[in-house]
Each structure stands twice: as structure tokens, then as C-alpha cells.
Amino acid sequence: MYQKGDFGSSKDQSYRMAGNLYRIIMMLPTKTCQKQLLVLMALMMTFGPLSMDATEQNVNDFEGVLKLKTDAPAVLDAPITITATLENVGDFRPPFYFSFNDDASPIHVDEEETDLGTANYTLKYPSRDYSARQYTMTVRVYTKWIFGRRHEIAYDNVVYEITKQLNGQMDVNQKNRKIKEGKHGSIISTKEVTKVDIDLYDPHCFLCSPDTTMSYYWFINDTNYGSTNDTSFEYTFSDPGLSTVEVLVLAKIANPNNDRSLENNRKNTIYESSVRNSSSLKEISRLESPPFVKNGLFRKRLDARDPMANVNYSGDVYLKHGTMLDLTVTCDGSGPWNTCWYFRDVSYNKTGSEICQTVSVVAGKCEFPILWYFRNSGSTALIIVVDDGLNHIVKQVAVVVYDVPSRAPISLIVIPIMSSMIAVIACISGVFVFMTFKRNIRGRETADFDFACPTERCEELEYMTFWERLRTAALNALSNATAINDSASHVSSVSSHRSVQGPPVGIHYGSIS
């Protein structure tokens, strides 16, 4: 197996092969054999396929660059066109022969001769002979070669779809509003009228015939809202939520032979009447459509929302350095809302088209916090972006962080003062207690017990009972009290060897035996 460019072009290789065969033939011993082999070589080059072309087709290595395109998808019975273009047409000498054939049964075969390097092939797939599926069209391009033989220079194939139902799309529009596609469908406003349009794909105007009758049956949330002869339908979705809009398109066409028999008309009328009286698409899906009625079902999901009009915030934006920014942002509408916020230079001016690099989704109630700590003082611009799919609101808020004069904490002032006052009070209290204690010590009476008393006195004490001693002490106390009132000092002799100061009132002495 060879690669393109290793041994020259296909034509050069064929010439080399022919030259080699000629030299071999001329080496034969008899002229009769030489003539026979020369005639056989000429026949092979004229009518027989060379092995070189077969090898090129297997490896898909051709000199020409072929580009194919179609106007698919197409419905059964409608035309479809395949366009083949030889992009490097200047490398070859015209005319060019474009050969078309598909994989259908019965097969479609066509050949177009052109000098321009482009050929079109238009064909149909009648519903009575073909089914709806994917088909493949193969295209080969040939040029004339030596001895009138054709040489294949390009090859390619294209796959296209033939459908049973009509093709097209459903579009949703609202006045002065660009519809966005959300996660659950097209986002629409509950405050405006919604217009639904059907755009049928019919490049060959297959449905434009005067004999074709079009009908459109509209369903919202599987409820039949009647039929129209127009491709549009208007409705106001006043409540927020998800809805499904569906339309069944019926095209009553003549059969390919333009034979509009009474039987076909009767079947079409019965089918259309059944569709009109059906309450849901489930009932229609069980109906059998006539052979010459084309239908198409188009469906679209809608997400109706109350539009957002205002974005507000609450919180302080004039902050003392060291205080955290704490804002609460709220907005109206039914949501959900895509939100984000970021900071820009204080000189920044919003454009209204700011977008979010990272989006946070808020659902239910539009309320979200903004918390931020500023390391440095100064001014900055806070940009808040809120989008509900209907409106895009950008709010710019100026945030100022200011410095305050540094002051010593109050604890550094109060604690030393309180400590000093406590120390002074403690010292004064200590001095007062000490002086009071010393004064009490001076006024305290001292008892001098001398147990070396005379014998008769000791015996007298020894023979006195407790009550006798108590009575004696009381008498002595009364006598001493009287003596104190008469004189500032009075000394009573208890015995000849011991002198005792009279005890104060309330102090009694007893026996220590």
C-alpha cells in the first residue's frame, strides 16, 4: 500500500506500469505473442479497471477534494437536494462527471456532467415506497483520461434525515423583550402578551401548493385552545410558573399523482374532525392519519415570572476602620434570581451591562447578605448585579472607611486609678485598725495573780463554795464601783502581800482550784 506523493500521481504510475509491460512484451521471442499481448494491454487500459484505482478507493486517497452538503431534513414526498463541490477544481481539466447513488431500495442513481466543478442532485422519497430514516448518498467525481477512459479523482458520502413529520421550530416572542432560555424553558413575563410562532422548514416550498390546506391546533398544558389557519398564537400567562405550549400542524396535500379522489377527501375530513374534537394530544396520537396528510408536533416549555423592578439594600456604608461591612440586599419579582457582587475603584462608573463571573442563585425570597472586612481605610465602589431572566439590574454603592484618632483604652485609665484608691483606702483602714487596737490595749486591765497567799486566806478561799465566791465577787464589784465614782483612782488591798485592782463591772473571778 502506498501513500500519496511517494510514487507520483495516479496517471504517472499508470504510465510507468504500461511502459514496464511494453518492455516485457518486446522481450518475448515471437512477434505473434508480442502483438497479442499489446492488444490485450490496450484493452485492459481502455475498458478494464486498473488495480491502482481500486487501491486508491480503499484508502480514500484521491487527488480531488470533494465537499458535500444537503438541505435536509426533508419530509417524505418532499424534494431534497444534494450539492457536490470540487474545491480544487483548478488542478484538473474539465469536463467533470459527478455520479450520485444512495443506499435506498429502490436505489437513486444520477450522473451530472459539468465544467464548473459543482453539481446538484434533487430527488424525492415517496411515502408509498420509502420509510422515514437516515439515508447515505455517495458521490464520485471523474475526469476523462487516455483512450477515453474515465479516471476517478474524488469520492465522498453524506448522511441526511428523511422524516415522517413536518420539520420546523417554535419561536416565542414578547414585545420589546429578548427571550432568554433558562434551565426550565423560555423565560417570559407575566405582565405582557406572549406570541408563539411556528416556522416550518420547507426549502423547496413543498407546502406552498394551492391544493395544500394548513391547520394549526394549539394546546397549553394539554388543554385544547382551538385551531387557527395562522402560524401564530397569542396568550397571556398571568401566573408565575412552568407551562407547556404545543401545536399540532396538519397539512392536507394532494397525492404525488395529483389524484384528489373523493375517498381521500373523505378520509381527510374525518381525520381533521377527530383532531378538532379531541381534548388532548394523547387522544390525537391514537388517531391514524390518512396517507396524504402531513402532520408535525412542536412543543416548548415556558417559565413565566413576575418581572423584577427594584433592588434595594439596608445597612451602614460609612464605616469606622475596623468595622465590618454588613448589608442586606432585597429585590422584588418572583425569581429565581442570579446575583453577584464585587468591588471596583471609587472612580468607576457602572454601564448597566456588568456580568457575574461567579453566580449565586437565590430562590423563594430575594434577600441575600453582603459581608466584608476592609483592612485599609479609604473609599471604594460596591457593584451589585441581580438578574431574574427578564431584567438585568446593576446597582453601584459607595463605601467609605474612615480612620479615628488613636486613644488609650479606658481600662488603662480606670484600672490604675481604682487600684490606687483601693491601696490608699487599705492603708488608711490599716492605720485606723492599728490605732484602735492600740487604744484598746492601753485601756485593758491587767490581772496579777499571786498564788503565794497567806495560809488563812488560801484556806478561806479553799473552803468557799462556788455560790459563796460568786456572792463575794458581786459584793466586791459593787464596792469597787462606788469607790470609782468617788475618786478617779482607788486601790484596795486584798492582802498584806498582794494588791489587786478591782475588776470592772461585769468581770467575775472564780476559784482556780
Protein backbone atom coordinates (compact mmCIF):
# COMPACT_ATOMS: atom_id res chain seq x y z
CA MET A 1 0.00 0.00 0.00
CA TYR A 2 1.36 3.39 -0.93
CA GLN A 3 0.87 6.92 0.24
CA LYS A 4 0.06 9.81 -2.00
CA GLY A 5 3.23 11.53 -3.24
CA ASP A 6 5.54 8.51 -2.79
CA PHE A 7 5.40 7.36 -6.41
CA GLY A 8 3.87 10.33 -8.15
CA SER A 9 0.29 10.76 -9.32
CA SER A 10 -2.08 8.00 -10.36
CA LYS A 11 -1.61 8.93 -14.02
CA ASP A 12 2.21 8.76 -13.75
CA GLN A 13 2.04 5.38 -12.06
CA SER A 14 -0.23 4.05 -14.81
CA TYR A 15 2.19 5.26 -17.46
CA ARG A 16 5.09 3.56 -15.66
CA MET A 17 3.10 0.33 -15.45
CA ALA A 18 2.25 0.48 -19.14
CA GLY A 19 5.90 1.16 -20.01
CA ASN A 20 7.10 -1.77 -17.95
CA LEU A 21 4.56 -4.10 -19.56
CA TYR A 22 5.63 -2.87 -23.02
CA ARG A 23 9.30 -3.61 -22.33
CA ILE A 24 8.41 -7.07 -21.06
CA ILE A 25 6.31 -7.79 -24.14
CA MET A 26 9.07 -6.65 -26.51
CA MET A 27 11.46 -9.11 -24.89
CA LEU A 28 9.31 -12.06 -25.97
CA PRO A 29 10.88 -14.27 -28.71
CA THR A 30 8.00 -14.26 -31.23
CA LYS A 31 6.28 -11.27 -32.80
CA THR A 32 2.92 -13.04 -32.71
CA CYS A 33 2.94 -13.18 -28.92
CA GLN A 34 4.07 -9.58 -28.79
CA LYS A 35 1.13 -8.41 -30.92
CA GLN A 36 -1.37 -10.41 -28.90
CA LEU A 37 -0.10 -9.07 -25.59
CA LEU A 38 -0.02 -5.50 -26.89
CA VAL A 39 -3.67 -5.77 -27.92
CA LEU A 40 -4.56 -7.24 -24.52
CA MET A 41 -2.76 -4.39 -22.73
CA ALA A 42 -4.64 -1.82 -24.79
CA LEU A 43 -7.97 -3.45 -23.97
CA MET A 44 -7.15 -3.50 -20.26
CA MET A 45 -6.21 0.16 -20.25
CA THR A 46 -9.31 1.10 -22.19
CA PHE A 47 -12.04 -0.97 -20.54
CA GLY A 48 -10.65 -2.80 -17.56
CA PRO A 49 -10.23 -1.11 -14.17
CA LEU A 50 -6.63 -0.79 -13.13
CA SER A 51 -5.66 -2.08 -9.76
CA MET A 52 -4.30 1.37 -8.98
CA ASP A 53 -7.78 2.91 -8.83
CA ALA A 54 -9.04 0.14 -6.58
CA THR A 55 -6.18 0.71 -4.18
CA GLU A 56 -6.87 4.45 -4.04
CA GLN A 57 -10.57 3.87 -3.29
CA ASN A 58 -9.77 1.53 -0.44
CA VAL A 59 -7.51 4.01 1.32
CA ASN A 60 -9.66 7.01 0.32
CA ASP A 61 -6.60 8.71 -1.12
CA PHE A 62 -7.80 10.89 -4.01
CA GLU A 63 -6.34 13.90 -5.69
CA GLY A 64 -9.57 15.90 -5.62
CA VAL A 65 -11.14 17.47 -2.53
CA LEU A 66 -14.90 16.95 -2.56
CA LYS A 67 -17.34 18.78 -0.29
CA LEU A 68 -20.96 17.64 0.09
CA LYS A 69 -23.96 19.37 1.66
CA THR A 70 -27.72 18.88 1.74
CA ASP A 71 -30.83 20.88 2.63
CA ALA A 72 -32.05 18.11 4.93
CA PRO A 73 -34.09 17.26 6.89
CA ALA A 74 -36.91 16.62 4.44
CA VAL A 75 -40.32 15.06 4.91
CA LEU A 76 -41.42 12.06 2.87
CA ASP A 77 -42.72 13.08 -0.61
CA ALA A 78 -40.87 16.41 -0.40
CA PRO A 79 -37.80 17.19 -2.54
CA ILE A 80 -34.27 17.17 -1.14
CA THR A 81 -31.11 18.45 -2.87
CA ILE A 82 -27.53 17.18 -2.53
CA THR A 83 -24.82 19.62 -3.64
CA ALA A 84 -21.32 18.37 -4.52
CA THR A 85 -18.43 20.83 -4.94
CA LEU A 86 -14.91 20.02 -6.12
CA GLU A 87 -12.87 22.52 -4.13
CA ASN A 88 -9.57 22.17 -6.01
CA VAL A 89 -11.21 22.25 -9.43
CA GLY A 90 -8.29 24.22 -10.90
CA ASP A 91 -6.00 21.20 -10.58
CA PHE A 92 -7.92 19.23 -13.18
CA ARG A 93 -9.09 19.62 -16.76
CA PRO A 94 -12.87 19.67 -17.36
CA PRO A 95 -15.37 18.23 -18.02
CA PHE A 96 -16.22 16.63 -14.71
CA TYR A 97 -18.61 13.75 -14.22
CA PHE A 98 -20.47 13.64 -10.87
CA SER A 99 -22.01 10.27 -10.09
CA PHE A 100 -24.70 10.09 -7.35
CA ASN A 101 -26.14 6.94 -5.77
CA ASP A 102 -27.81 6.31 -2.37
CA ASP A 103 -28.38 3.25 -0.17
CA ALA A 104 -32.17 3.22 -0.61
CA SER A 105 -34.21 0.47 -2.17
CA PRO A 106 -35.16 1.17 -4.90
CA ILE A 107 -31.85 2.97 -5.38
CA HIS A 108 -31.49 6.52 -6.69
CA VAL A 109 -28.79 6.95 -9.35
CA ASP A 110 -27.85 10.07 -11.27
CA GLU A 111 -24.90 11.50 -13.16
CA GLU A 112 -24.21 15.15 -13.92
CA GLU A 113 -21.65 16.49 -16.40
CA THR A 114 -20.33 19.99 -15.77
CA ASP A 115 -17.34 22.22 -16.41
CA LEU A 116 -17.79 24.27 -13.22
CA GLY A 117 -16.85 21.70 -10.59
CA THR A 118 -20.26 21.85 -8.83
CA ALA A 119 -23.27 19.61 -9.32
CA ASN A 120 -26.73 19.37 -7.72
CA TYR A 121 -28.97 16.35 -7.46
CA THR A 122 -32.62 16.76 -6.37
CA LEU A 123 -34.67 13.69 -5.52
CA LYS A 124 -37.75 12.56 -3.56
CA TYR A 125 -38.60 9.71 -1.25
CA PRO A 126 -42.29 8.87 -1.84
CA SER A 127 -44.09 7.68 1.25
CA ARG A 128 -45.59 4.72 -0.61
CA ASP A 129 -42.11 3.27 -1.39
CA TYR A 130 -39.78 4.53 1.34
CA SER A 131 -39.75 4.80 5.09
CA ALA A 132 -38.53 7.63 7.29
CA ARG A 133 -34.90 7.05 8.31
CA GLN A 134 -31.33 8.18 7.66
CA TYR A 135 -30.03 7.74 4.13
CA THR A 136 -26.49 7.93 2.72
CA MET A 137 -25.64 9.45 -0.65
CA THR A 138 -22.32 8.54 -2.28
CA VAL A 139 -20.75 10.90 -4.82
CA ARG A 140 -17.84 10.14 -7.16
CA VAL A 141 -16.14 12.61 -9.49
CA TYR A 142 -14.44 11.50 -12.73
CA THR A 143 -12.43 13.14 -15.47
CA LYS A 144 -11.50 11.85 -18.93
CA TRP A 145 -8.21 10.03 -19.26
CA ILE A 146 -6.26 8.24 -22.01
CA PHE A 147 -8.13 6.20 -24.57
CA GLY A 148 -11.39 7.85 -23.46
CA ARG A 149 -11.28 6.08 -20.12
CA ARG A 150 -12.62 7.88 -17.02
CA HIS A 151 -10.39 8.44 -14.04
CA GLU A 152 -11.87 8.88 -10.55
CA ILE A 153 -10.42 11.93 -8.80
CA ALA A 154 -12.70 12.44 -5.79
CA TYR A 155 -15.03 10.46 -3.58
CA ASP A 156 -17.20 11.22 -0.52
CA ASN A 157 -20.57 10.47 1.06
CA VAL A 158 -23.10 12.36 3.15
CA VAL A 159 -25.80 11.24 5.62
CA TYR A 160 -29.19 13.00 5.79
CA GLU A 161 -32.53 12.55 7.52
CA ILE A 162 -35.88 11.83 5.87
CA THR A 163 -38.73 12.30 8.36
CA LYS A 164 -42.36 11.33 8.54
CA GLN A 165 -43.47 14.51 10.29
CA LEU A 166 -43.09 18.11 9.23
CA ASN A 167 -39.91 19.89 10.24
CA GLY A 168 -39.54 23.31 11.83
CA GLN A 169 -39.32 25.09 15.15
CA MET A 170 -41.45 27.02 17.61
CA ASP A 171 -40.49 30.60 18.50
CA VAL A 172 -41.70 32.63 21.49
CA ASN A 173 -41.76 36.43 21.45
CA GLN A 174 -42.83 39.30 23.70
CA LYS A 175 -42.96 42.95 22.73
CA ASN A 176 -39.72 44.87 23.34
CA ARG A 177 -38.13 41.91 25.08
CA LYS A 178 -35.48 39.40 24.09
CA ILE A 179 -36.47 35.95 25.26
CA LYS A 180 -33.80 34.08 27.20
CA GLU A 181 -33.57 30.33 27.56
CA GLY A 182 -33.47 29.21 31.17
CA LYS A 183 -32.99 25.89 32.88
CA HIS A 184 -36.70 25.05 32.67
CA GLY A 185 -37.54 26.70 29.33
CA SER A 186 -38.00 30.09 27.73
CA ILE A 187 -38.34 32.85 30.36
CA ILE A 188 -41.37 35.11 29.78
CA SER A 189 -43.03 37.95 31.69
CA THR A 190 -46.44 37.61 33.30
CA LYS A 191 -47.14 41.28 32.54
CA GLU A 192 -47.01 41.03 28.74
CA VAL A 193 -48.74 39.10 25.97
CA THR A 194 -46.80 36.12 24.67
CA LYS A 195 -46.82 35.36 20.94
CA VAL A 196 -45.99 31.84 19.78
CA ASP A 197 -44.95 31.34 16.14
CA ILE A 198 -44.37 28.20 14.07
CA ASP A 199 -41.58 28.36 11.49
CA LEU A 200 -41.86 25.36 9.16
CA TYR A 201 -38.72 24.27 7.35
CA ASP A 202 -39.69 23.91 3.69
CA PRO A 203 -36.77 24.92 1.42
CA HIS A 204 -38.50 23.63 -1.75
CA CYS A 205 -41.89 25.19 -0.89
CA PHE A 206 -43.45 21.76 -0.77
CA LEU A 207 -46.36 23.13 1.29
CA CYS A 208 -46.93 26.19 -0.90
CA SER A 209 -49.17 24.41 -3.37
CA PRO A 210 -52.71 25.84 -3.76
CA ASP A 211 -54.02 22.32 -3.20
CA THR A 212 -52.43 22.19 0.28
CA THR A 213 -54.55 23.19 3.30
CA MET A 214 -52.81 24.07 6.56
CA SER A 215 -54.38 23.89 10.05
CA TYR A 216 -52.84 24.63 13.45
CA TYR A 217 -54.20 23.21 16.72
CA TRP A 218 -52.92 24.84 19.93
CA PHE A 219 -52.57 23.20 23.33
CA ILE A 220 -51.45 24.78 26.63
CA ASN A 221 -50.73 22.36 29.47
CA ASP A 222 -52.53 19.65 27.47
CA THR A 223 -55.69 21.75 27.11
CA ASN A 224 -57.05 22.34 23.60
CA TYR A 225 -57.37 26.07 22.85
CA GLY A 226 -58.78 25.58 19.34
CA SER A 227 -57.35 25.85 15.84
CA THR A 228 -56.19 28.67 13.61
CA ASN A 229 -55.20 29.00 9.98
CA ASP A 230 -52.34 31.23 11.02
CA THR A 231 -48.87 30.18 12.18
CA SER A 232 -49.07 32.30 15.38
CA PHE A 233 -51.00 32.24 18.63
CA GLU A 234 -51.18 34.86 21.42
CA TYR A 235 -51.77 34.18 25.10
CA THR A 236 -51.08 35.90 28.45
CA PHE A 237 -49.51 33.73 31.14
CA SER A 238 -50.63 35.78 34.16
CA ASP A 239 -49.48 33.37 36.88
CA PRO A 240 -45.81 32.61 37.58
CA GLY A 241 -44.82 29.03 36.94
CA LEU A 242 -43.96 26.46 34.28
CA SER A 243 -46.19 25.81 31.28
CA THR A 244 -46.01 23.67 28.14
CA VAL A 245 -47.19 25.02 24.78
CA GLU A 246 -47.81 22.53 21.97
CA VAL A 247 -49.10 22.90 18.43
CA LEU A 248 -50.20 20.21 16.00
CA VAL A 249 -49.76 21.24 12.37
CA LEU A 250 -51.83 19.44 9.73
CA ALA A 251 -51.05 19.78 6.03
CA LYS A 252 -53.57 18.20 3.67
CA ILE A 253 -51.78 17.75 0.36
CA ALA A 254 -52.59 16.11 -2.94
CA ASN A 255 -51.02 12.76 -3.68
CA PRO A 256 -47.97 12.71 -5.97
CA ASN A 257 -50.17 11.94 -8.98
CA ASN A 258 -52.48 14.90 -8.16
CA ASP A 259 -55.28 12.42 -7.71
CA ARG A 260 -57.61 14.06 -5.21
CA SER A 261 -60.21 11.31 -5.13
CA LEU A 262 -63.41 11.51 -3.13
CA GLU A 263 -62.17 8.75 -0.86
CA ASN A 264 -59.05 10.73 0.05
CA ASN A 265 -61.10 13.84 0.73
CA ARG A 266 -63.46 11.89 2.93
CA LYS A 267 -60.59 10.42 4.97
CA ASN A 268 -59.00 13.83 5.38
CA THR A 269 -62.27 15.36 6.58
CA ILE A 270 -62.88 12.60 9.13
CA TYR A 271 -59.33 12.87 10.48
CA GLU A 272 -59.47 16.65 10.80
CA SER A 273 -62.82 16.49 12.56
CA SER A 274 -61.45 13.95 15.06
CA VAL A 275 -58.48 16.20 15.76
CA ARG A 276 -60.67 19.23 16.27
CA ASN A 277 -62.89 17.44 18.79
CA SER A 278 -60.00 15.95 20.77
CA SER A 279 -59.35 17.46 24.18
CA SER A 280 -55.68 16.46 24.43
CA LEU A 281 -52.75 15.37 22.33
CA LYS A 282 -52.90 11.90 23.84
CA GLU A 283 -56.20 11.33 22.08
CA ILE A 284 -54.81 12.68 18.80
CA SER A 285 -51.77 10.40 19.00
CA ARG A 286 -54.09 7.40 18.86
CA LEU A 287 -55.66 8.55 15.57
CA GLU A 288 -54.47 7.09 12.26
CA SER A 289 -53.58 9.83 9.80
CA PRO A 290 -54.51 9.48 6.11
CA PRO A 291 -51.67 8.83 3.64
CA PHE A 292 -51.74 12.34 2.19
CA VAL A 293 -51.96 14.28 5.45
CA LYS A 294 -48.64 15.52 6.78
CA ASN A 295 -48.53 16.44 10.45
CA GLY A 296 -45.98 17.89 12.78
CA LEU A 297 -45.96 18.30 16.56
CA PHE A 298 -43.99 21.16 18.08
CA ARG A 299 -43.54 21.69 21.80
CA LYS A 300 -41.91 24.34 24.00
CA ARG A 301 -41.54 24.80 27.73
CA LEU A 302 -42.19 28.27 29.17
CA ASP A 303 -41.13 29.71 32.54
CA ALA A 304 -43.44 32.62 33.41
CA ARG A 305 -42.09 35.07 36.01
CA ASP A 306 -43.13 38.32 37.63
CA PRO A 307 -40.53 40.84 36.43
CA MET A 308 -38.09 42.46 38.84
CA ALA A 309 -38.22 46.25 39.05
CA ASN A 310 -36.25 47.32 42.16
CA VAL A 311 -33.09 46.35 44.02
CA ASN A 312 -32.55 47.87 47.48
CA TYR A 313 -30.08 47.47 50.32
CA SER A 314 -30.03 48.19 54.04
CA GLY A 315 -27.02 48.72 56.28
CA ASP A 316 -24.30 51.28 57.01
CA VAL A 317 -21.83 52.12 54.21
CA TYR A 318 -19.99 54.85 56.20
CA LEU A 319 -17.74 52.71 58.38
CA LYS A 320 -15.17 53.32 61.05
CA HIS A 321 -11.95 51.47 60.34
CA GLY A 322 -12.17 48.06 61.94
CA THR A 323 -15.93 47.77 61.43
CA MET A 324 -17.22 45.07 59.05
CA LEU A 325 -19.47 45.95 56.11
CA ASP A 326 -22.82 44.27 56.73
CA LEU A 327 -25.52 44.90 54.10
CA THR A 328 -28.77 43.12 53.26
CA VAL A 329 -29.88 43.29 49.61
CA THR A 330 -33.54 42.77 48.66
CA CYS A 331 -35.45 42.85 45.37
CA ASP A 332 -38.93 42.17 44.00
CA GLY A 333 -40.27 39.80 41.36
CA SER A 334 -40.89 36.05 41.55
CA GLY A 335 -37.41 34.83 40.68
CA PRO A 336 -35.25 32.86 40.85
CA TRP A 337 -32.51 35.48 40.71
CA ASN A 338 -28.86 35.25 39.68
CA THR A 339 -26.81 37.51 41.94
CA CYS A 340 -23.23 38.57 42.49
CA TRP A 341 -21.27 41.49 43.93
CA TYR A 342 -17.72 42.78 43.76
CA PHE A 343 -15.65 45.93 44.37
CA ARG A 344 -14.23 48.44 41.92
CA ASP A 345 -12.27 51.68 42.20
CA VAL A 346 -14.21 54.60 43.64
CA SER A 347 -13.99 56.41 40.28
CA TYR A 348 -15.72 53.52 38.45
CA ASN A 349 -18.99 54.31 36.63
CA LYS A 350 -21.39 51.45 36.00
CA THR A 351 -22.53 50.71 32.45
CA GLY A 352 -25.52 48.53 33.27
CA SER A 353 -24.07 45.61 31.31
CA GLU A 354 -21.84 44.26 34.07
CA ILE A 355 -21.94 40.47 34.36
CA CYS A 356 -21.07 37.93 37.03
CA GLN A 357 -18.07 35.67 36.85
CA THR A 358 -19.44 33.57 39.68
CA VAL A 359 -23.21 33.43 40.10
CA SER A 360 -25.23 32.71 43.23
CA VAL A 361 -28.83 31.64 42.70
CA VAL A 362 -31.46 32.96 45.14
CA ALA A 363 -34.88 31.29 45.11
CA GLY A 364 -38.11 31.88 47.01
CA LYS A 365 -37.40 35.29 48.55
CA CYS A 366 -34.98 37.77 47.06
CA GLU A 367 -32.73 38.55 50.02
CA PHE A 368 -29.01 37.96 50.41
CA PRO A 369 -26.25 39.39 52.65
CA ILE A 370 -23.01 41.19 51.81
CA LEU A 371 -20.28 40.85 54.45
CA TRP A 372 -16.78 42.24 54.01
CA TYR A 373 -13.89 43.42 56.18
CA PHE A 374 -11.66 46.23 54.90
CA ARG A 375 -8.05 46.07 56.04
CA ASN A 376 -7.33 49.62 54.98
CA SER A 377 -9.32 52.81 55.17
CA GLY A 378 -10.50 54.67 52.09
CA SER A 379 -13.36 54.73 49.56
CA THR A 380 -14.48 52.01 47.15
CA ALA A 381 -17.38 51.23 44.82
CA LEU A 382 -19.56 48.20 45.54
CA ILE A 383 -21.18 46.73 42.39
CA ILE A 384 -24.33 44.64 42.95
CA VAL A 385 -25.68 42.65 39.97
CA VAL A 386 -29.12 40.99 40.03
CA ASP A 387 -30.70 39.21 37.03
CA ASP A 388 -34.08 37.43 37.03
CA GLY A 389 -34.02 36.40 33.38
CA LEU A 390 -36.31 39.30 32.45
CA ASN A 391 -34.45 42.35 33.76
CA HIS A 392 -30.78 42.95 34.47
CA ILE A 393 -30.21 45.49 37.26
CA VAL A 394 -26.80 46.82 38.31
CA LYS A 395 -26.53 48.92 41.47
CA GLN A 396 -23.42 50.88 42.47
CA VAL A 397 -22.92 51.79 46.14
CA ALA A 398 -20.12 54.00 47.52
CA VAL A 399 -18.48 52.59 50.68
CA VAL A 400 -16.31 54.86 52.88
CA VAL A 401 -13.98 53.55 55.58
CA TYR A 402 -12.52 56.31 57.80
CA ASP A 403 -9.83 56.41 60.49
CA VAL A 404 -10.33 57.74 64.08
CA PRO A 405 -7.63 59.24 66.47
CA SER A 406 -5.96 56.53 68.49
CA ARG A 407 -6.91 56.62 72.17
CA ALA A 408 -5.75 54.55 75.05
CA PRO A 409 -8.32 52.03 76.15
CA ILE A 410 -10.43 53.15 79.08
CA SER A 411 -9.23 50.17 81.06
CA LEU A 412 -5.70 51.58 81.02
CA ILE A 413 -7.03 54.69 82.79
CA VAL A 414 -9.67 53.30 85.12
CA ILE A 415 -7.75 50.30 86.44
CA PRO A 416 -4.69 52.25 87.74
CA ILE A 417 -6.94 54.88 89.37
CA MET A 418 -9.11 52.27 91.04
CA SER A 419 -6.04 50.34 92.16
CA SER A 420 -4.52 53.48 93.70
CA MET A 421 -7.75 54.34 95.51
CA ILE A 422 -8.04 50.81 96.86
CA ALA A 423 -4.42 50.96 98.06
CA VAL A 424 -4.97 54.31 99.83
CA ILE A 425 -8.19 53.06 101.43
CA ALA A 426 -6.39 49.88 102.53
CA CYS A 427 -3.58 51.92 104.11
CA ILE A 428 -5.99 54.25 105.91
CA SER A 429 -8.04 51.30 107.12
CA GLY A 430 -4.89 49.58 108.35
CA VAL A 431 -3.78 52.66 110.31
CA PHE A 432 -7.26 53.08 111.80
CA VAL A 433 -7.43 49.44 112.86
CA PHE A 434 -3.95 49.64 114.33
CA MET A 435 -4.73 52.75 116.35
CA THR A 436 -8.00 51.33 117.59
CA PHE A 437 -6.32 48.12 118.62
CA LYS A 438 -3.53 50.03 120.43
CA ARG A 439 -6.05 52.19 122.32
CA ASN A 440 -7.95 49.12 123.40
CA ILE A 441 -4.73 47.54 124.62
CA ARG A 442 -3.98 50.59 126.81
CA GLY A 443 -7.43 50.57 128.45
CA ARG A 444 -7.32 46.86 129.17
CA GLU A 445 -6.98 45.85 132.87
CA THR A 446 -4.12 43.59 133.90
CA ALA A 447 -4.66 40.90 136.49
CA ASP A 448 -1.70 39.90 138.59
CA PHE A 449 -2.37 36.52 140.09
CA ASP A 450 -0.17 35.83 143.03
CA PHE A 451 -0.82 32.36 144.28
CA ALA A 452 1.56 32.76 147.23
CA CYS A 453 -1.17 33.96 149.53
CA PRO A 454 -1.28 33.69 153.34
CA THR A 455 -2.41 30.41 154.71
CA GLU A 456 -5.54 31.71 156.34
CA ARG A 457 -6.62 33.47 153.16
CA CYS A 458 -5.95 30.48 150.99
CA GLU A 459 -7.79 28.30 153.42
CA GLU A 460 -10.66 30.75 153.30
CA LEU A 461 -10.72 30.51 149.53
CA GLU A 462 -10.44 26.83 149.66
CA TYR A 463 -13.44 26.43 151.92
CA MET A 464 -15.74 28.76 149.96
CA THR A 465 -18.29 27.17 147.64
CA PHE A 466 -18.95 28.42 144.16
CA TRP A 467 -22.03 30.39 145.09
CA GLU A 468 -20.24 31.87 148.07
CA ARG A 469 -17.42 33.01 145.90
CA LEU A 470 -19.91 34.41 143.36
CA ARG A 471 -21.64 36.40 146.08
CA THR A 472 -18.28 37.69 147.38
CA ALA A 473 -17.23 38.78 143.92
CA ALA A 474 -20.53 40.60 143.40
CA LEU A 475 -20.15 42.44 146.67
CA ASN A 476 -16.60 43.42 145.83
CA ALA A 477 -17.75 44.67 142.43
CA LEU A 478 -20.42 46.87 143.95
CA SER A 479 -17.99 48.28 146.48
CA ASN A 480 -15.40 48.97 143.81
CA ALA A 481 -17.98 50.71 141.60
CA THR A 482 -18.90 53.02 144.46
CA ALA A 483 -15.27 53.78 145.14
CA ILE A 484 -14.60 54.62 141.46
CA ASN A 485 -17.40 57.14 141.41
CA ASP A 486 -15.88 58.96 144.40
CA SER A 487 -12.33 59.07 143.13
CA ALA A 488 -10.59 58.77 139.77
CA SER A 489 -8.36 56.03 141.20
CA HIS A 490 -8.81 53.67 144.08
CA VAL A 491 -6.62 50.90 145.22
CA SER A 492 -7.88 48.20 147.54
CA SER A 493 -5.56 45.96 149.38
CA VAL A 494 -6.59 42.35 149.08
CA SER A 495 -3.88 41.08 151.41
CA SER A 496 -0.75 42.23 153.03
CA HIS A 497 1.34 40.59 150.33
CA ARG A 498 -0.87 41.20 147.18
CA SER A 499 -2.53 44.34 145.92
CA VAL A 500 -5.17 43.78 143.19
CA GLN A 501 -7.01 46.40 141.19
CA GLY A 502 -10.71 45.95 141.44
CA PRO A 503 -12.17 44.26 138.35
CA PRO A 504 -14.54 46.22 136.18
CA VAL A 505 -18.25 45.76 136.37
CA GLY A 506 -19.30 42.54 134.71
CA ILE A 507 -15.98 40.73 135.26
CA HIS A 508 -16.07 37.99 137.89
CA TYR A 509 -13.38 35.79 139.27
CA GLY A 510 -13.85 32.32 140.48
CA SER A 511 -11.82 29.63 142.10
CA ILE A 512 -8.97 28.10 140.12
CA SER A 513 -8.77 25.08 142.40
